[in-house]
C-alpha atoms as a PDB file:
ATOM      1  CA  MET A   1      76.553  51.105 -15.825  1.00  0.00           C
ATOM      2  CA  THR A   2      77.985  50.672 -12.386  1.00  0.00           C
ATOM      3  CA  GLY A   3      74.595  50.801 -10.775  1.00  0.00           C
ATOM      4  CA  LYS A   4      73.203  48.067 -12.879  1.00  0.00           C
ATOM      5  CA  VAL A   5      76.225  45.849 -12.101  1.00  0.00           C
ATOM      6  CA  THR A   6      75.704  46.379  -8.371  1.00  0.00           C
ATOM      7  CA  PHE A   7      72.080  45.565  -8.543  1.00  0.00           C
ATOM      8  CA  ILE A   8      72.694  42.230 -10.555  1.00  0.00           C
ATOM      9  CA  ILE A   9      75.073  41.211  -7.900  1.00  0.00           C
ATOM     10  CA  ALA A  10      72.781  42.090  -5.100  1.00  0.00           C
ATOM     11  CA  ALA A  11      70.049  40.073  -6.773  1.00  0.00           C
ATOM     12  CA  VAL A  12      72.102  37.013  -7.215  1.00  0.00           C
ATOM     13  CA  PHE A  13      73.139  37.168  -3.506  1.00  0.00           C
ATOM     14  CA  SER A  14      69.592  37.559  -2.502  1.00  0.00           C
ATOM     15  CA  ILE A  15      68.441  34.547  -4.577  1.00  0.00           C
ATOM     16  CA  GLY A  16      71.085  32.354  -2.923  1.00  0.00           C
ATOM     17  CA  CYS A  17      69.873  33.327   0.591  1.00  0.00           C
ATOM     18  CA  PHE A  18      66.216  32.073  -0.223  1.00  0.00           C
ATOM     19  CA  PHE A  19      67.206  28.938  -1.996  1.00  0.00           C
ATOM     20  CA  PRO A  20      69.999  27.185   0.068  1.00  0.00           C
ATOM     21  CA  SER A  21      71.948  24.452  -1.354  1.00  0.00           C
ATOM     22  CA  TYR A  22      71.711  21.180   0.307  1.00  0.00           C
ATOM     23  CA  ALA A  23      74.499  19.375  -1.326  1.00  0.00           C
ATOM     24  CA  ASP A  24      76.160  18.488   1.866  1.00  0.00           C
ATOM     25  CA  GLU A  25      73.064  16.916   3.467  1.00  0.00           C
ATOM     26  CA  VAL A  26      72.271  14.977   0.254  1.00  0.00           C
ATOM     27  CA  GLN A  27      75.910  13.773  -0.020  1.00  0.00           C
ATOM     28  CA  ASP A  28      76.032  12.735   3.641  1.00  0.00           C
ATOM     29  CA  LEU A  29      72.774  10.714   3.298  1.00  0.00           C
ATOM     30  CA  THR A  30      73.829   8.738   0.333  1.00  0.00           C
ATOM     31  CA  THR A  31      77.345   8.193   1.953  1.00  0.00           C
ATOM     32  CA  LEU A  32      75.740   6.830   5.101  1.00  0.00           C
ATOM     33  CA  LEU A  33      73.386   4.718   2.898  1.00  0.00           C
ATOM     34  CA  ASN A  34      76.292   3.159   1.035  1.00  0.00           C
ATOM     35  CA  ALA A  35      78.355   2.564   4.191  1.00  0.00           C
ATOM     36  CA  GLU A  36      75.370   0.726   5.603  1.00  0.00           C
ATOM     37  CA  ARG A  37      74.917  -1.198   2.375  1.00  0.00           C
ATOM     38  CA  LYS A  38      78.638  -2.230   2.420  1.00  0.00           C
ATOM     39  CA  ALA A  39      78.590  -3.294   6.082  1.00  0.00           C
ATOM     40  CA  LYS A  40      75.654  -5.547   5.231  1.00  0.00           C
ATOM     41  CA  GLY A  41      77.319  -7.133   2.270  1.00  0.00           C
ATOM     42  CA  ARG A  42      75.360  -5.218  -0.426  1.00  0.00           C
ATOM     43  CA  LYS A  43      76.801  -3.435  -3.453  1.00  0.00           C
ATOM     44  CA  VAL A  44      77.262   0.266  -3.201  1.00  0.00           C
ATOM     45  CA  LEU A  45      74.714   2.223  -5.197  1.00  0.00           C
ATOM     46  CA  ARG A  46      75.830   4.662  -7.903  1.00  0.00           C
ATOM     47  CA  VAL A  47      74.440   8.153  -7.196  1.00  0.00           C
ATOM     48  CA  SER A  48      72.307   9.194 -10.153  1.00  0.00           C
ATOM     49  CA  ASP A  49      71.906  12.907 -11.110  1.00  0.00           C
ATOM     50  CA  THR A  50      68.548  12.188 -12.492  1.00  0.00           C
ATOM     51  CA  LEU A  51      67.341  10.449  -9.270  1.00  0.00           C
ATOM     52  CA  ASN A  52      68.824  13.314  -7.370  1.00  0.00           C
ATOM     53  CA  VAL A  53      66.608  15.667  -9.290  1.00  0.00           C
ATOM     54  CA  ILE A  54      63.351  13.500  -8.902  1.00  0.00           C
ATOM     55  CA  ALA A  55      64.066  13.250  -4.977  1.00  0.00           C
ATOM     56  CA  GLN A  56      64.890  16.953  -4.578  1.00  0.00           C
ATOM     57  CA  LYS A  57      61.869  18.045  -6.617  1.00  0.00           C
ATOM     58  CA  HIS A  58      59.521  15.787  -4.401  1.00  0.00           C
ATOM     59  CA  ALA A  59      61.115  16.971  -1.174  1.00  0.00           C
ATOM     60  CA  GLU A  60      60.767  20.687  -2.158  1.00  0.00           C
ATOM     61  CA  ASP A  61      57.167  20.096  -3.266  1.00  0.00           C
ATOM     62  CA  MET A  62      56.259  18.450   0.028  1.00  0.00           C
ATOM     63  CA  VAL A  63      57.710  21.458   1.872  1.00  0.00           C
ATOM     64  CA  ALA A  64      56.260  24.130  -0.279  1.00  0.00           C
ATOM     65  CA  ASN A  65      52.841  22.692  -0.214  1.00  0.00           C
ATOM     66  CA  GLY A  66      52.624  21.294   3.398  1.00  0.00           C
ATOM     67  CA  TYR A  67      52.174  17.568   2.797  1.00  0.00           C
ATOM     68  CA  PHE A  68      53.955  14.302   3.502  1.00  0.00           C
ATOM     69  CA  SER A  69      53.289  11.422   1.149  1.00  0.00           C
ATOM     70  CA  HIS A  70      54.782   9.272  -1.511  1.00  0.00           C
ATOM     71  CA  THR A  71      51.916  10.441  -3.723  1.00  0.00           C
ATOM     72  CA  GLY A  72      52.770  13.773  -5.295  1.00  0.00           C
ATOM     73  CA  ARG A  73      50.520  16.861  -4.847  1.00  0.00           C
ATOM     74  CA  ASP A  74      49.468  16.263  -8.490  1.00  0.00           C
ATOM     75  CA  GLY A  75      48.565  12.597  -7.700  1.00  0.00           C
ATOM     76  CA  SER A  76      51.807  11.445  -9.278  1.00  0.00           C
ATOM     77  CA  THR A  77      53.425   8.201  -8.247  1.00  0.00           C
ATOM     78  CA  LEU A  78      57.109   7.672  -8.017  1.00  0.00           C
ATOM     79  CA  GLY A  79      57.050   5.969 -11.367  1.00  0.00           C
ATOM     80  CA  LYS A  80      55.262   8.928 -13.012  1.00  0.00           C
ATOM     81  CA  ARG A  81      57.849  11.277 -11.465  1.00  0.00           C
ATOM     82  CA  MET A  82      60.569   9.203 -12.775  1.00  0.00           C
ATOM     83  CA  LYS A  83      59.097   8.916 -16.146  1.00  0.00           C
ATOM     84  CA  ARG A  84      58.708  12.748 -16.315  1.00  0.00           C
ATOM     85  CA  GLN A  85      62.516  12.918 -15.760  1.00  0.00           C
ATOM     86  CA  GLY A  86      63.174  10.540 -18.583  1.00  0.00           C
ATOM     87  CA  TYR A  87      64.385   7.752 -16.237  1.00  0.00           C
ATOM     88  CA  LYS A  88      63.481   4.364 -17.729  1.00  0.00           C
ATOM     89  CA  PHE A  89      63.421   2.039 -14.866  1.00  0.00           C
ATOM     90  CA  CYS A  90      63.084  -1.606 -14.189  1.00  0.00           C
ATOM     91  CA  TYR A  91      63.014  -1.177 -10.482  1.00  0.00           C
ATOM     92  CA  ALA A  92      61.866   1.734  -8.370  1.00  0.00           C
ATOM     93  CA  ALA A  93      61.494   2.399  -4.704  1.00  0.00           C
ATOM     94  CA  GLU A  94      61.243   5.521  -2.445  1.00  0.00           C
ATOM     95  CA  ASN A  95      61.933   6.463   1.251  1.00  0.00           C
ATOM     96  CA  ILE A  96      60.594   9.820   2.722  1.00  0.00           C
ATOM     97  CA  ALA A  97      61.061  11.018   6.257  1.00  0.00           C
ATOM     98  CA  SER A  98      60.020  14.211   7.954  1.00  0.00           C
ATOM     99  CA  GLY A  99      61.354  15.852  11.298  1.00  0.00           C
ATOM    100  CA  GLN A 100      64.707  14.366  11.499  1.00  0.00           C
ATOM    101  CA  LYS A 101      67.392  17.019  11.616  1.00  0.00           C
ATOM    102  CA  THR A 102      70.476  15.255  10.389  1.00  0.00           C
ATOM    103  CA  PRO A 103      71.343  12.475   7.822  1.00  0.00           C
ATOM    104  CA  GLU A 104      72.192  10.147  10.819  1.00  0.00           C
ATOM    105  CA  GLU A 105      68.882  10.628  12.365  1.00  0.00           C
ATOM    106  CA  THR A 106      67.132  10.075   9.210  1.00  0.00           C
ATOM    107  CA  MET A 107      69.050   6.766   8.463  1.00  0.00           C
ATOM    108  CA  SER A 108      68.504   5.582  11.963  1.00  0.00           C
ATOM    109  CA  SER A 109      64.681   6.014  11.446  1.00  0.00           C
ATOM    110  CA  TRP A 110      64.764   4.177   8.143  1.00  0.00           C
ATOM    111  CA  ARG A 111      67.018   1.400   9.640  1.00  0.00           C
ATOM    112  CA  ASN A 112      64.355   0.904  12.387  1.00  0.00           C
ATOM    113  CA  SER A 113      61.509   0.642   9.897  1.00  0.00           C
ATOM    114  CA  PRO A 114      61.204  -2.741   8.132  1.00  0.00           C
ATOM    115  CA  GLY A 115      59.871  -1.275   4.782  1.00  0.00           C
ATOM    116  CA  HIS A 116      62.360   1.568   4.617  1.00  0.00           C
ATOM    117  CA  ASN A 117      65.242  -0.653   5.593  1.00  0.00           C
ATOM    118  CA  LYS A 118      64.351  -3.162   2.818  1.00  0.00           C
ATOM    119  CA  ASN A 119      64.550  -0.461   0.330  1.00  0.00           C
ATOM    120  CA  ASN A 120      67.927   0.609   1.834  1.00  0.00           C
ATOM    121  CA  LEU A 121      69.320  -2.800   1.497  1.00  0.00           C
ATOM    122  CA  SER A 122      67.528  -4.051  -1.576  1.00  0.00           C
ATOM    123  CA  ARG A 123      69.534  -5.992  -4.187  1.00  0.00           C
ATOM    124  CA  LYS A 124      67.267  -4.799  -6.858  1.00  0.00           C
ATOM    125  CA  SER A 125      68.508  -1.215  -7.107  1.00  0.00           C
ATOM    126  CA  THR A 126      71.704  -0.083  -8.614  1.00  0.00           C
ATOM    127  CA  GLU A 127      71.368   3.608  -8.332  1.00  0.00           C
ATOM    128  CA  VAL A 128      70.171   6.113  -5.774  1.00  0.00           C
ATOM    129  CA  GLY A 129      69.233   9.823  -5.558  1.00  0.00           C
ATOM    130  CA  ALA A 130      68.557  11.932  -2.477  1.00  0.00           C
ATOM    131  CA  GLY A 131      66.708  15.099  -1.691  1.00  0.00           C
ATOM    132  CA  PHE A 132      66.422  17.524   1.361  1.00  0.00           C
ATOM    133  CA  ALA A 133      64.259  20.556   1.736  1.00  0.00           C
ATOM    134  CA  GLY A 134      63.126  22.878   4.486  1.00  0.00           C
ATOM    135  CA  GLN A 135      64.536  22.020   7.730  1.00  0.00           C
ATOM    136  CA  SER A 136      63.718  18.247   7.987  1.00  0.00           C
ATOM    137  CA  MET A 137      62.112  16.824   4.753  1.00  0.00           C
ATOM    138  CA  TRP A 138      64.286  13.833   3.357  1.00  0.00           C
ATOM    139  CA  VAL A 139      63.758  11.748   0.229  1.00  0.00           C
ATOM    140  CA  LEU A 140      65.636   8.736  -1.236  1.00  0.00           C
ATOM    141  CA  VAL A 141      64.881   7.367  -4.609  1.00  0.00           C
ATOM    142  CA  PHE A 142      66.184   3.958  -5.662  1.00  0.00           C
ATOM    143  CA  GLY A 143      66.228   2.777  -9.089  1.00  0.00           C
ATOM    144  CA  LYS A 144      67.621   0.351 -11.627  1.00  0.00           C
ATOM    145  CA  PRO A 145      67.558   1.496 -15.262  1.00  0.00           C
ATOM    146  CA  CYS A 146      66.393  -0.909 -17.924  1.00  0.00           C
END
């Protein structure tokens, strides 16, 4: 029995090494976003667990399959990915970035891009979710539930 327990513990440790948690990067990204929104007189967005899942899955899929696009590998749009997760939305937008090593670099890139910055500061969104995968794949998903 001792051998089995040791094996299970080793397996759990091994899985943790291959699938790192990006909670700090994701939280830092949404904190920076909300600080910027507040500084610009916009309402702070509520972090949505569902939008976090949508953003994380898209980031992981892009890294795993070597592409960079708002369109999923399966041809899905953001709206389709949101519907799959059961998120009924009246507004949706997405920012993606690749190559930036930190949340600060990523936010700076989006701030300097008119379309991305428009999403960051939109008055239409009420919720946000973030994803990070690999060394530098970032996703923000903005939404307003119906």
